[in-house]
All heavy atoms as atom14 arrays in JSON, in Angstrom:
{
  "sequence": "NLKPEDTGVYSCGATSCTGGAMGRGPFGSWGQ",
  "atom14_mask": [
    [1, 1, 1, 1, 1, 1, 1, 1, 0, 0, 0, 0, 0, 0],
    [1, 1, 1, 1, 1, 1, 1, 1, 0, 0, 0, 0, 0, 0],
    [1, 1, 1, 1, 1, 1, 1, 1, 1, 0, 0, 0, 0, 0],
    [1, 1, 1, 1, 1, 1, 1, 0, 0, 0, 0, 0, 0, 0],
    [1, 1, 1, 1, 1, 1, 1, 1, 1, 0, 0, 0, 0, 0],
    [1, 1, 1, 1, 1, 1, 1, 1, 0, 0, 0, 0, 0, 0],
    [1, 1, 1, 1, 1, 1, 1, 0, 0, 0, 0, 0, 0, 0],
    [1, 1, 1, 1, 0, 0, 0, 0, 0, 0, 0, 0, 0, 0],
    [1, 1, 1, 1, 1, 1, 1, 0, 0, 0, 0, 0, 0, 0],
    [1, 1, 1, 1, 1, 1, 1, 1, 1, 1, 1, 1, 0, 0],
    [1, 1, 1, 1, 1, 1, 0, 0, 0, 0, 0, 0, 0, 0],
    [1, 1, 1, 1, 1, 1, 0, 0, 0, 0, 0, 0, 0, 0],
    [1, 1, 1, 1, 0, 0, 0, 0, 0, 0, 0, 0, 0, 0],
    [1, 1, 1, 1, 1, 0, 0, 0, 0, 0, 0, 0, 0, 0],
    [1, 1, 1, 1, 1, 1, 1, 0, 0, 0, 0, 0, 0, 0],
    [1, 1, 1, 1, 1, 1, 0, 0, 0, 0, 0, 0, 0, 0],
    [1, 1, 1, 1, 1, 1, 0, 0, 0, 0, 0, 0, 0, 0],
    [1, 1, 1, 1, 1, 1, 1, 0, 0, 0, 0, 0, 0, 0],
    [1, 1, 1, 1, 0, 0, 0, 0, 0, 0, 0, 0, 0, 0],
    [1, 1, 1, 1, 0, 0, 0, 0, 0, 0, 0, 0, 0, 0],
    [1, 1, 1, 1, 1, 0, 0, 0, 0, 0, 0, 0, 0, 0],
    [1, 1, 1, 1, 1, 1, 1, 1, 0, 0, 0, 0, 0, 0],
    [1, 1, 1, 1, 0, 0, 0, 0, 0, 0, 0, 0, 0, 0],
    [1, 1, 1, 1, 1, 1, 1, 1, 1, 1, 1, 0, 0, 0],
    [1, 1, 1, 1, 0, 0, 0, 0, 0, 0, 0, 0, 0, 0],
    [1, 1, 1, 1, 1, 1, 1, 0, 0, 0, 0, 0, 0, 0],
    [1, 1, 1, 1, 1, 1, 1, 1, 1, 1, 1, 0, 0, 0],
    [1, 1, 1, 1, 0, 0, 0, 0, 0, 0, 0, 0, 0, 0],
    [1, 1, 1, 1, 1, 1, 0, 0, 0, 0, 0, 0, 0, 0],
    [1, 1, 1, 1, 1, 1, 1, 1, 1, 1, 1, 1, 1, 1],
    [1, 1, 1, 1, 0, 0, 0, 0, 0, 0, 0, 0, 0, 0],
    [1, 1, 1, 1, 1, 1, 1, 1, 1, 0, 0, 0, 0, 0]
  ],
  "atom14_positions": [
    [[77.19, 143.39, 47.34], [76.66, 143.75, 48.65], [77.78, 144.02, 49.65], [77.77, 143.51, 50.78], [75.73, 142.65, 49.18], [74.59, 142.34, 48.23], [74.4, 141.2, 47.81], [73.82, 143.37, 47.9], [0.0, 0.0, 0.0], [0.0, 0.0, 0.0], [0.0, 0.0, 0.0], [0.0, 0.0, 0.0], [0.0, 0.0, 0.0], [0.0, 0.0, 0.0]],
    [[78.71, 144.83, 49.24], [79.88, 145.1, 50.06], [79.5, 145.8, 51.36], [78.59, 146.63, 51.4], [80.89, 145.93, 49.29], [81.68, 145.12, 48.26], [82.3, 146.03, 47.22], [82.75, 144.29, 48.96], [0.0, 0.0, 0.0], [0.0, 0.0, 0.0], [0.0, 0.0, 0.0], [0.0, 0.0, 0.0], [0.0, 0.0, 0.0], [0.0, 0.0, 0.0]],
    [[80.24, 145.47, 52.41], [80.03, 146.01, 53.74], [81.28, 146.75, 54.2], [82.38, 146.47, 53.72], [79.71, 144.89, 54.73], [78.5, 144.05, 54.37], [78.32, 142.91, 55.35], [77.11, 142.07, 55.0], [76.92, 140.95, 55.96], [0.0, 0.0, 0.0], [0.0, 0.0, 0.0], [0.0, 0.0, 0.0], [0.0, 0.0, 0.0], [0.0, 0.0, 0.0]],
    [[81.14, 147.67, 55.14], [82.33, 148.38, 55.63], [83.42, 147.44, 56.14], [84.61, 147.74, 55.97], [81.76, 149.24, 56.76], [80.36, 149.52, 56.34], [79.89, 148.23, 55.7], [0.0, 0.0, 0.0], [0.0, 0.0, 0.0], [0.0, 0.0, 0.0], [0.0, 0.0, 0.0], [0.0, 0.0, 0.0], [0.0, 0.0, 0.0], [0.0, 0.0, 0.0]],
    [[83.06, 146.32, 56.74], [84.06, 145.39, 57.23], [84.83, 144.68, 56.13], [85.83, 144.01, 56.4], [83.43, 144.35, 58.17], [82.23, 143.64, 57.59], [80.91, 144.24, 58.03], [80.79, 145.48, 58.03], [80.0, 143.47, 58.4], [0.0, 0.0, 0.0], [0.0, 0.0, 0.0], [0.0, 0.0, 0.0], [0.0, 0.0, 0.0], [0.0, 0.0, 0.0]],
    [[84.39, 144.82, 54.88], [85.13, 144.28, 53.76], [86.32, 145.16, 53.38], [87.15, 144.76, 52.56], [84.23, 144.13, 52.53], [83.12, 143.12, 52.74], [83.36, 142.07, 53.36], [81.99, 143.39, 52.26], [0.0, 0.0, 0.0], [0.0, 0.0, 0.0], [0.0, 0.0, 0.0], [0.0, 0.0, 0.0], [0.0, 0.0, 0.0], [0.0, 0.0, 0.0]],
    [[86.38, 146.33, 53.95], [87.47, 147.27, 53.67], [88.82, 146.65, 54.0], [88.98, 145.96, 55.01], [87.28, 148.56, 54.47], [86.13, 149.25, 53.97], [88.49, 149.47, 54.34], [0.0, 0.0, 0.0], [0.0, 0.0, 0.0], [0.0, 0.0, 0.0], [0.0, 0.0, 0.0], [0.0, 0.0, 0.0], [0.0, 0.0, 0.0], [0.0, 0.0, 0.0]],
    [[89.79, 146.89, 53.15], [91.14, 146.41, 53.39], [91.85, 146.11, 52.1], [91.38, 146.42, 51.01], [0.0, 0.0, 0.0], [0.0, 0.0, 0.0], [0.0, 0.0, 0.0], [0.0, 0.0, 0.0], [0.0, 0.0, 0.0], [0.0, 0.0, 0.0], [0.0, 0.0, 0.0], [0.0, 0.0, 0.0], [0.0, 0.0, 0.0], [0.0, 0.0, 0.0]],
    [[92.99, 145.48, 52.24], [93.81, 145.11, 51.09], [93.54, 143.66, 50.72], [93.58, 142.77, 51.57], [95.31, 145.31, 51.39], [96.15, 144.82, 50.22], [95.6, 146.77, 51.69], [0.0, 0.0, 0.0], [0.0, 0.0, 0.0], [0.0, 0.0, 0.0], [0.0, 0.0, 0.0], [0.0, 0.0, 0.0], [0.0, 0.0, 0.0], [0.0, 0.0, 0.0]],
    [[93.27, 143.44, 49.46], [93.04, 142.1, 48.94], [94.22, 141.66, 48.09], [94.65, 142.38, 47.19], [91.75, 142.06, 48.12], [90.51, 142.14, 48.97], [90.09, 143.37, 49.48], [89.77, 141.01, 49.29], [88.97, 143.45, 50.29], [88.65, 141.08, 50.09], [88.25, 142.3, 50.59], [87.13, 142.38, 51.39], [0.0, 0.0, 0.0], [0.0, 0.0, 0.0]],
    [[94.71, 140.48, 48.37], [95.82, 139.94, 47.62], [95.49, 138.51, 47.22], [94.55, 137.9, 47.73], [97.12, 139.99, 48.43], [96.98, 139.3, 49.66], [0.0, 0.0, 0.0], [0.0, 0.0, 0.0], [0.0, 0.0, 0.0], [0.0, 0.0, 0.0], [0.0, 0.0, 0.0], [0.0, 0.0, 0.0], [0.0, 0.0, 0.0], [0.0, 0.0, 0.0]],
    [[96.26, 137.97, 46.3], [95.99, 136.63, 45.82], [97.28, 135.84, 45.69], [98.37, 136.41, 45.6], [95.24, 136.66, 44.48], [96.1, 137.54, 43.16], [0.0, 0.0, 0.0], [0.0, 0.0, 0.0], [0.0, 0.0, 0.0], [0.0, 0.0, 0.0], [0.0, 0.0, 0.0], [0.0, 0.0, 0.0], [0.0, 0.0, 0.0], [0.0, 0.0, 0.0]],
    [[97.15, 134.53, 45.69], [98.3, 133.68, 45.53], [97.91, 132.22, 45.48], [96.79, 131.85, 45.85], [0.0, 0.0, 0.0], [0.0, 0.0, 0.0], [0.0, 0.0, 0.0], [0.0, 0.0, 0.0], [0.0, 0.0, 0.0], [0.0, 0.0, 0.0], [0.0, 0.0, 0.0], [0.0, 0.0, 0.0], [0.0, 0.0, 0.0], [0.0, 0.0, 0.0]],
    [[98.82, 131.39, 45.03], [98.59, 129.95, 45.02], [98.48, 129.46, 46.45], [99.27, 129.85, 47.32], [99.72, 129.24, 44.29], [0.0, 0.0, 0.0], [0.0, 0.0, 0.0], [0.0, 0.0, 0.0], [0.0, 0.0, 0.0], [0.0, 0.0, 0.0], [0.0, 0.0, 0.0], [0.0, 0.0, 0.0], [0.0, 0.0, 0.0], [0.0, 0.0, 0.0]],
    [[97.52, 128.58, 46.7], [97.3, 128.09, 48.04], [96.56, 126.76, 47.97], [96.1, 126.34, 46.92], [96.5, 129.11, 48.86], [96.49, 128.74, 50.24], [95.06, 129.21, 48.36], [0.0, 0.0, 0.0], [0.0, 0.0, 0.0], [0.0, 0.0, 0.0], [0.0, 0.0, 0.0], [0.0, 0.0, 0.0], [0.0, 0.0, 0.0], [0.0, 0.0, 0.0]],
    [[96.47, 126.08, 49.1], [95.65, 124.88, 49.15], [94.19, 125.29, 49.14], [93.83, 126.36, 49.63], [95.98, 124.07, 50.4], [95.73, 124.81, 51.58], [0.0, 0.0, 0.0], [0.0, 0.0, 0.0], [0.0, 0.0, 0.0], [0.0, 0.0, 0.0], [0.0, 0.0, 0.0], [0.0, 0.0, 0.0], [0.0, 0.0, 0.0], [0.0, 0.0, 0.0]],
    [[93.36, 124.43, 48.59], [91.95, 124.79, 48.43], [91.09, 123.54, 48.36], [91.24, 122.72, 47.45], [91.76, 125.64, 47.17], [90.09, 126.29, 46.93], [0.0, 0.0, 0.0], [0.0, 0.0, 0.0], [0.0, 0.0, 0.0], [0.0, 0.0, 0.0], [0.0, 0.0, 0.0], [0.0, 0.0, 0.0], [0.0, 0.0, 0.0], [0.0, 0.0, 0.0]],
    [[90.2, 123.39, 49.32], [89.22, 122.33, 49.32], [87.85, 122.96, 49.51], [87.73, 124.16, 49.75], [89.48, 121.3, 50.43], [89.22, 121.9, 51.7], [90.92, 120.8, 50.39], [0.0, 0.0, 0.0], [0.0, 0.0, 0.0], [0.0, 0.0, 0.0], [0.0, 0.0, 0.0], [0.0, 0.0, 0.0], [0.0, 0.0, 0.0], [0.0, 0.0, 0.0]],
    [[86.82, 122.14, 49.44], [85.49, 122.67, 49.65], [85.24, 123.17, 51.05], [84.33, 123.98, 51.26], [0.0, 0.0, 0.0], [0.0, 0.0, 0.0], [0.0, 0.0, 0.0], [0.0, 0.0, 0.0], [0.0, 0.0, 0.0], [0.0, 0.0, 0.0], [0.0, 0.0, 0.0], [0.0, 0.0, 0.0], [0.0, 0.0, 0.0], [0.0, 0.0, 0.0]],
    [[86.04, 122.71, 52.01], [85.83, 123.06, 53.4], [86.88, 123.94, 54.03], [86.73, 124.36, 55.17], [0.0, 0.0, 0.0], [0.0, 0.0, 0.0], [0.0, 0.0, 0.0], [0.0, 0.0, 0.0], [0.0, 0.0, 0.0], [0.0, 0.0, 0.0], [0.0, 0.0, 0.0], [0.0, 0.0, 0.0], [0.0, 0.0, 0.0], [0.0, 0.0, 0.0]],
    [[87.96, 124.22, 53.3], [89.04, 125.01, 53.88], [89.97, 125.53, 52.79], [89.98, 125.02, 51.67], [89.83, 124.19, 54.89], [0.0, 0.0, 0.0], [0.0, 0.0, 0.0], [0.0, 0.0, 0.0], [0.0, 0.0, 0.0], [0.0, 0.0, 0.0], [0.0, 0.0, 0.0], [0.0, 0.0, 0.0], [0.0, 0.0, 0.0], [0.0, 0.0, 0.0]],
    [[90.75, 126.53, 53.14], [91.78, 127.04, 52.26], [93.02, 127.35, 53.07], [92.97, 127.42, 54.3], [91.31, 128.29, 51.5], [91.07, 129.5, 52.39], [90.59, 130.98, 51.43], [92.15, 131.36, 50.6], [0.0, 0.0, 0.0], [0.0, 0.0, 0.0], [0.0, 0.0, 0.0], [0.0, 0.0, 0.0], [0.0, 0.0, 0.0], [0.0, 0.0, 0.0]],
    [[94.12, 127.53, 52.4], [95.36, 127.83, 53.08], [95.33, 129.16, 53.77], [94.55, 130.06, 53.42], [0.0, 0.0, 0.0], [0.0, 0.0, 0.0], [0.0, 0.0, 0.0], [0.0, 0.0, 0.0], [0.0, 0.0, 0.0], [0.0, 0.0, 0.0], [0.0, 0.0, 0.0], [0.0, 0.0, 0.0], [0.0, 0.0, 0.0], [0.0, 0.0, 0.0]],
    [[96.18, 129.3, 54.77], [96.25, 130.55, 55.53], [97.04, 131.63, 54.79], [97.0, 132.79, 55.18], [96.87, 130.3, 56.9], [96.04, 129.39, 57.79], [96.58, 129.36, 59.22], [97.95, 128.9, 59.28], [98.3, 127.62, 59.35], [97.37, 126.68, 59.36], [99.58, 127.3, 59.39], [0.0, 0.0, 0.0], [0.0, 0.0, 0.0], [0.0, 0.0, 0.0]],
    [[97.76, 131.23, 53.77], [98.54, 132.17, 52.99], [99.0, 131.53, 51.71], [98.76, 130.35, 51.47], [0.0, 0.0, 0.0], [0.0, 0.0, 0.0], [0.0, 0.0, 0.0], [0.0, 0.0, 0.0], [0.0, 0.0, 0.0], [0.0, 0.0, 0.0], [0.0, 0.0, 0.0], [0.0, 0.0, 0.0], [0.0, 0.0, 0.0], [0.0, 0.0, 0.0]],
    [[99.66, 132.28, 50.86], [100.15, 131.72, 49.61], [101.35, 130.82, 49.83], [102.05, 130.93, 50.84], [100.53, 132.96, 48.8], [100.94, 133.95, 49.85], [100.01, 133.7, 51.01], [0.0, 0.0, 0.0], [0.0, 0.0, 0.0], [0.0, 0.0, 0.0], [0.0, 0.0, 0.0], [0.0, 0.0, 0.0], [0.0, 0.0, 0.0], [0.0, 0.0, 0.0]],
    [[101.57, 129.91, 48.88], [102.74, 129.05, 48.97], [104.03, 129.85, 48.86], [105.03, 129.53, 49.49], [102.7, 127.99, 47.88], [101.61, 126.97, 48.05], [100.81, 126.59, 46.98], [101.37, 126.39, 49.28], [99.81, 125.65, 47.13], [100.37, 125.44, 49.45], [99.59, 125.07, 48.36], [0.0, 0.0, 0.0], [0.0, 0.0, 0.0], [0.0, 0.0, 0.0]],
    [[104.02, 130.88, 48.04], [105.18, 131.73, 47.88], [105.06, 132.99, 48.71], [104.36, 133.03, 49.73], [0.0, 0.0, 0.0], [0.0, 0.0, 0.0], [0.0, 0.0, 0.0], [0.0, 0.0, 0.0], [0.0, 0.0, 0.0], [0.0, 0.0, 0.0], [0.0, 0.0, 0.0], [0.0, 0.0, 0.0], [0.0, 0.0, 0.0], [0.0, 0.0, 0.0]],
    [[105.76, 134.01, 48.29], [105.72, 135.28, 49.0], [104.42, 136.02, 48.71], [103.75, 135.77, 47.71], [106.92, 136.14, 48.6], [106.9, 136.42, 47.21], [0.0, 0.0, 0.0], [0.0, 0.0, 0.0], [0.0, 0.0, 0.0], [0.0, 0.0, 0.0], [0.0, 0.0, 0.0], [0.0, 0.0, 0.0], [0.0, 0.0, 0.0], [0.0, 0.0, 0.0]],
    [[104.09, 136.94, 49.61], [102.9, 137.75, 49.41], [103.11, 138.71, 48.25], [104.14, 139.37, 48.15], [102.58, 138.55, 50.68], [102.12, 137.71, 51.82], [102.86, 137.27, 52.88], [100.8, 137.21, 52.03], [102.08, 136.53, 53.73], [100.81, 136.48, 53.24], [99.6, 137.32, 51.32], [99.68, 135.85, 53.76], [98.47, 136.7, 51.82], [98.52, 135.97, 53.03]],
    [[102.12, 138.79, 47.4], [102.17, 139.74, 46.3], [101.55, 141.06, 46.69], [100.93, 141.2, 47.75], [0.0, 0.0, 0.0], [0.0, 0.0, 0.0], [0.0, 0.0, 0.0], [0.0, 0.0, 0.0], [0.0, 0.0, 0.0], [0.0, 0.0, 0.0], [0.0, 0.0, 0.0], [0.0, 0.0, 0.0], [0.0, 0.0, 0.0], [0.0, 0.0, 0.0]],
    [[101.71, 142.04, 45.85], [101.11, 143.34, 46.1], [99.59, 143.23, 45.96], [99.08, 142.68, 45.0], [101.65, 144.37, 45.11], [101.14, 145.77, 45.36], [101.75, 146.78, 44.41], [102.52, 146.43, 43.52], [101.41, 148.04, 44.6], [0.0, 0.0, 0.0], [0.0, 0.0, 0.0], [0.0, 0.0, 0.0], [0.0, 0.0, 0.0], [0.0, 0.0, 0.0]]
  ]
}
């Protein structure tokens, strides 16, 4: 059910992750 506001670049990386929050960025450098 993608929406126009979903448009953009998606990247992934190791980060903190709980049921209520996640990290603001990866622990390392940003990947492509």
